[in-house]
Structures are given as C-alpha cells and as structure tokens.
Amino acid sequence: MPDACYIYPPGTKHYFKSNGPLLHNWFHFDEISARDWADVGLKYNKVYYIHPSNFISDIVYQIELEYANKRTHYEKIINSKICELFVKIARANEETPLFFAPKTIEPFYEFRLNMLRNIGEKWTIKKMADSINMSQSYFHVVYKKIFGLSPMQDLIKARIASAQELLANTNIPISEIAFKTGYMSPEQFTHQFTHITGTSPREYRKAMLTSQIIK
C-alpha cells in the first residue's frame, strides 16, 4: 500500500511484492535505536500509514550518505537521524490526514505513477496539469496537499534518486545519466545534484564505490 511503514522484529525474513513501481526505503538498526522508537510509542509488526511520507525517503537518504562518506562523528549524526525519523513517524501517525474524495485522489496517483515511470520526459506544470484536465494553479495546490511537496519538487527528487541508483550501481557515464534522468545538459544535472545532495555526482559515485569495497 502507498505510504506504508513497517518495523520488523530482529531476525525476521522480509517478503513483499509490488504490482507497479516500488519506492522501498529501508535500514537496519541496533538495540539502542530500538529504545528510541519504543519511547515514542511505535511497535513491531504494525503497519503505519504515513501521509505524506516523503520525509522518510529524505531522512533515509541522509543516513545512507553519512554512512557512505563516514566523516567525523558520522555515527552520532546517523543515530540522531534515526531518532528524528521515529519521532516524525509517530507524529504523522497521530495526525488526521486531509480528506479527499477518491475521484479527486485517483487521477493524481495515476499521474504520479506515470511521471515517476517517465522521469526523463520534459515535464512542465502545464503538461502535468493538462494530463488530468486541470488548471495549472489548481493542480499545483491539490498535488502539494496530497503528496506533501510540489509536483516539480517531487519530480526533481525522483530524478536525483534515480541518478543516485545509476551512479552507485552502474558504469554509465555521468553525461548519459544526466539525459536519462531528464536534464538538458550534464552541467545542469551536476549543479542540481550537488545543490540537493551536497556532493557532486562524481564524488557520490566514488563514495558509494568505496563503501561497497569496504563491505
């Protein structure tokens, strides 16, 4: 289910499947971190539906980046990020989500799935809004209320995540990755990637390669 969050007990085997594109954020944590999520009321073997859930991907990415770079006191930062994640999940679980009728929500979910499948397209707000027959202003407002960020922010986030995957797990040249993920030029891609992640594509690839060698 979209926006689902689950905490497995230690040693539990994980089984899941998806009938469409899957955004799967995960990490393992130790007994010290376990005390943090227990303190805020989270439990094992319970599905938490968090809406919007975008902050989970953001925090997990920050944890991955700290682990990959291993800069001074990185373990303390990772522990603080894990604690922040648990608190935000607990808060989001307590809050009553905004209500939207299914006929309003469904076109947005369908559009978002299509956009995330085709991040290399030259998307504009007009093209997005036209795809579900809405005005640009109304589309922008409703999209942000449903997903917690603007459509262009969501697209950029997906493009950067896809680029990170390609940088970490393939030898595709950075210039080709730029075009695959929807950027007009390698320079534009490098500028935005560096601005968002705090590291250049080349440095990110090097850090991930080093991390894989250490493992």
Protein backbone atom coordinates (compact mmCIF):
# COMPACT_ATOMS: atom_id res chain seq x y z
CA MET A 1 0.00 0.00 0.00
CA PRO A 2 1.20 3.56 -0.69
CA ASP A 3 2.73 5.41 2.28
CA ALA A 4 3.02 2.23 4.39
CA CYS A 5 5.72 1.91 7.06
CA TYR A 6 6.56 -1.31 8.93
CA ILE A 7 9.02 -2.22 11.70
CA TYR A 8 10.20 -5.83 11.65
CA PRO A 9 11.43 -7.64 14.80
CA PRO A 10 15.09 -8.74 14.80
CA GLY A 11 15.81 -11.75 12.57
CA THR A 12 12.52 -11.55 10.67
CA LYS A 13 12.54 -12.54 6.99
CA HIS A 14 11.05 -9.91 4.69
CA TYR A 15 8.56 -10.82 1.97
CA PHE A 16 6.83 -8.27 -0.21
CA LYS A 17 5.84 -7.63 -3.80
CA SER A 18 4.56 -4.75 -5.87
CA ASN A 19 2.23 -4.65 -8.85
CA GLY A 20 3.78 -1.39 -10.03
CA PRO A 21 6.75 0.92 -9.42
CA LEU A 22 8.06 0.49 -5.88
CA LEU A 23 9.79 3.07 -3.71
CA HIS A 24 11.29 0.98 -0.93
CA ASN A 25 13.26 2.74 1.82
CA TRP A 26 14.81 0.52 4.48
CA PHE A 27 17.63 0.25 7.01
CA HIS A 28 18.69 -1.95 9.94
CA PHE A 29 19.10 -0.52 13.43
CA ASP A 30 20.52 -1.74 16.73
CA GLU A 31 19.12 -2.10 20.27
CA ILE A 32 19.96 1.49 21.19
CA SER A 33 17.92 2.82 18.28
CA ALA A 34 15.15 0.35 19.14
CA ARG A 35 14.74 2.06 22.51
CA ASP A 36 14.19 5.36 20.68
CA TRP A 37 11.24 4.09 18.62
CA ALA A 38 9.78 2.28 21.63
CA ASP A 39 9.94 5.55 23.61
CA VAL A 40 7.74 7.33 21.06
CA GLY A 41 5.14 4.56 21.00
CA LEU A 42 5.98 2.68 17.81
CA LYS A 43 5.60 -1.11 17.81
CA TYR A 44 6.84 -4.17 15.94
CA ASN A 45 4.59 -5.89 13.38
CA LYS A 46 2.27 -2.97 12.86
CA VAL A 47 1.66 -1.13 9.59
CA TYR A 48 1.76 2.65 9.90
CA TYR A 49 0.18 4.61 7.07
CA ILE A 50 2.02 7.92 6.90
CA HIS A 51 0.66 10.69 4.70
CA PRO A 52 2.54 12.44 3.29
CA SER A 53 5.51 10.09 3.63
CA ASN A 54 8.15 11.99 1.65
CA PHE A 55 10.19 12.80 4.75
CA ILE A 56 11.02 9.09 5.15
CA SER A 57 12.95 8.97 1.86
CA ASP A 58 14.71 12.22 2.73
CA ILE A 59 15.93 11.02 6.13
CA VAL A 60 16.91 7.54 4.91
CA TYR A 61 18.92 9.17 2.13
CA GLN A 62 20.73 11.37 4.68
CA ILE A 63 21.52 8.25 6.73
CA GLU A 64 22.89 6.49 3.63
CA LEU A 65 25.02 9.49 2.72
CA GLU A 66 26.52 9.75 6.20
CA TYR A 67 27.29 6.02 6.21
CA ALA A 68 28.87 6.17 2.76
CA ASN A 69 31.09 9.18 3.48
CA LYS A 70 31.97 8.27 7.10
CA ARG A 71 33.01 11.80 8.03
CA THR A 72 33.87 12.83 11.60
CA HIS A 73 31.16 11.82 14.12
CA TYR A 74 29.03 10.28 11.36
CA GLU A 75 27.65 7.65 13.78
CA LYS A 76 26.23 10.36 16.05
CA ILE A 77 24.53 12.03 13.10
CA ILE A 78 23.09 8.69 11.93
CA ASN A 79 21.68 7.99 15.41
CA SER A 80 20.12 11.46 15.55
CA LYS A 81 18.56 10.98 12.11
CA ILE A 82 17.10 7.61 13.13
CA CYS A 83 15.61 9.21 16.24
CA GLU A 84 14.21 12.06 14.12
CA LEU A 85 12.65 9.54 11.74
CA PHE A 86 10.91 7.64 14.54
CA VAL A 87 9.54 10.83 16.10
CA LYS A 88 8.19 12.09 12.76
CA ILE A 89 6.54 8.73 12.01
CA ALA A 90 4.90 8.78 15.44
CA ARG A 91 3.71 12.36 14.95
CA ALA A 92 2.37 11.69 11.45
CA ASN A 93 0.55 8.60 12.72
CA GLU A 94 -1.27 10.72 15.32
CA GLU A 95 -2.36 13.45 12.94
CA THR A 96 -5.60 13.27 10.99
CA PRO A 97 -4.83 13.40 7.25
CA LEU A 98 -6.61 15.77 4.90
CA PHE A 99 -9.64 14.10 3.35
CA PHE A 100 -10.02 13.91 -0.41
CA ALA A 101 -12.74 12.09 -2.29
CA PRO A 102 -11.46 9.05 -4.26
CA LYS A 103 -12.47 10.69 -7.55
CA THR A 104 -10.10 13.56 -6.68
CA ILE A 105 -7.19 11.46 -5.44
CA GLU A 106 -7.12 8.69 -8.05
CA PRO A 107 -6.13 10.85 -11.07
CA PHE A 108 -3.26 12.30 -9.06
CA TYR A 109 -1.93 8.89 -8.03
CA GLU A 110 -2.22 7.66 -11.61
CA PHE A 111 -0.45 10.75 -12.90
CA ARG A 112 2.31 10.48 -10.29
CA LEU A 113 2.98 6.83 -11.18
CA ASN A 114 3.23 7.79 -14.85
CA MET A 115 5.55 10.69 -14.07
CA LEU A 116 7.84 8.53 -11.92
CA ARG A 117 7.98 5.92 -14.67
CA ASN A 118 8.98 8.60 -17.17
CA ILE A 119 11.28 10.99 -15.30
CA GLY A 120 13.31 11.51 -18.48
CA GLU A 121 10.45 13.37 -20.16
CA LYS A 122 10.49 17.17 -20.39
CA TRP A 123 7.82 17.80 -17.79
CA THR A 124 6.31 21.24 -17.18
CA ILE A 125 3.48 22.22 -14.84
CA LYS A 126 1.29 22.83 -17.90
CA LYS A 127 2.00 19.37 -19.28
CA MET A 128 1.31 17.81 -15.87
CA ALA A 129 -1.97 19.67 -15.36
CA ASP A 130 -3.14 19.03 -18.93
CA SER A 131 -2.64 15.29 -18.44
CA ILE A 132 -5.53 15.21 -15.94
CA ASN A 133 -7.50 18.14 -17.41
CA MET A 134 -6.97 20.65 -14.62
CA SER A 135 -5.81 24.23 -14.42
CA GLN A 136 -2.16 24.66 -13.51
CA SER A 137 -2.88 26.52 -10.27
CA TYR A 138 -5.46 24.00 -9.00
CA PHE A 139 -3.27 21.06 -9.98
CA HIS A 140 -0.31 22.52 -8.10
CA VAL A 141 -2.31 23.20 -4.92
CA VAL A 142 -4.02 19.80 -4.75
CA TYR A 143 -0.86 17.87 -5.65
CA LYS A 144 1.03 19.51 -2.80
CA LYS A 145 -1.78 18.81 -0.32
CA ILE A 146 -1.90 15.13 -1.30
CA PHE A 147 1.83 14.37 -1.53
CA GLY A 148 3.35 16.97 0.76
CA LEU A 149 5.51 18.69 -1.85
CA SER A 150 5.05 20.42 -5.18
CA PRO A 151 4.97 18.40 -8.42
CA MET A 152 8.30 19.82 -9.58
CA GLN A 153 9.91 19.12 -6.20
CA ASP A 154 8.60 15.56 -6.42
CA LEU A 155 9.96 15.17 -9.95
CA ILE A 156 13.38 16.55 -9.02
CA LYS A 157 13.53 14.26 -6.00
CA ALA A 158 12.74 11.24 -8.21
CA ARG A 159 15.33 12.29 -10.77
CA ILE A 160 18.03 12.65 -8.13
CA ALA A 161 17.10 9.28 -6.56
CA SER A 162 17.29 7.59 -9.97
CA ALA A 163 20.63 9.25 -10.67
CA GLN A 164 21.97 8.04 -7.32
CA GLU A 165 20.94 4.49 -8.17
CA LEU A 166 22.67 4.67 -11.56
CA LEU A 167 25.79 6.27 -10.11
CA ALA A 168 26.07 3.67 -7.37
CA ASN A 169 25.30 0.53 -9.37
CA THR A 170 26.34 1.12 -12.99
CA ASN A 171 29.28 2.41 -15.02
CA ILE A 172 27.08 4.61 -17.20
CA PRO A 173 28.86 7.92 -17.91
CA ILE A 174 27.62 10.86 -15.87
CA SER A 175 26.69 12.76 -19.04
CA GLU A 176 24.42 9.90 -20.12
CA ILE A 177 22.85 9.68 -16.66
CA ALA A 178 22.04 13.39 -16.92
CA PHE A 179 20.00 12.88 -20.09
CA LYS A 180 18.40 9.65 -18.85
CA THR A 181 17.05 11.46 -15.80
CA GLY A 182 15.56 14.38 -17.72
CA TYR A 183 18.24 17.08 -17.60
CA MET A 184 19.01 19.33 -20.54
CA SER A 185 22.77 19.10 -20.02
CA PRO A 186 25.39 17.43 -17.78
CA GLU A 187 26.14 20.86 -16.31
CA GLN A 188 22.52 21.40 -15.26
CA PHE A 189 22.44 17.91 -13.76
CA THR A 190 25.69 18.37 -11.84
CA HIS A 191 24.57 21.74 -10.48
CA GLN A 192 21.23 20.43 -9.19
CA PHE A 193 22.63 17.14 -7.89
CA THR A 194 25.34 18.97 -5.94
CA HIS A 195 22.88 21.55 -4.62
CA ILE A 196 20.48 18.88 -3.31
CA THR A 197 22.89 16.22 -2.05
CA GLY A 198 25.84 18.37 -1.02
CA THR A 199 28.21 16.33 -3.17
CA SER A 200 28.92 16.16 -6.91
CA PRO A 201 27.85 13.14 -8.99
CA ARG A 202 31.49 12.13 -9.40
CA GLU A 203 32.16 12.37 -5.65
CA TYR A 204 28.96 10.47 -4.87
CA ARG A 205 29.91 7.62 -7.22
CA LYS A 206 33.38 7.44 -5.67
CA ALA A 207 31.94 7.37 -2.12
CA MET A 208 29.46 4.61 -2.97
CA LEU A 209 32.17 2.55 -4.68
CA THR A 210 34.41 2.89 -1.63
CA SER A 211 31.53 1.85 0.64
CA GLN A 212 30.86 -1.27 -1.46
CA ILE A 213 34.55 -2.24 -1.38
CA ILE A 214 34.63 -1.90 2.43
CA LYS A 215 31.56 -4.13 2.75
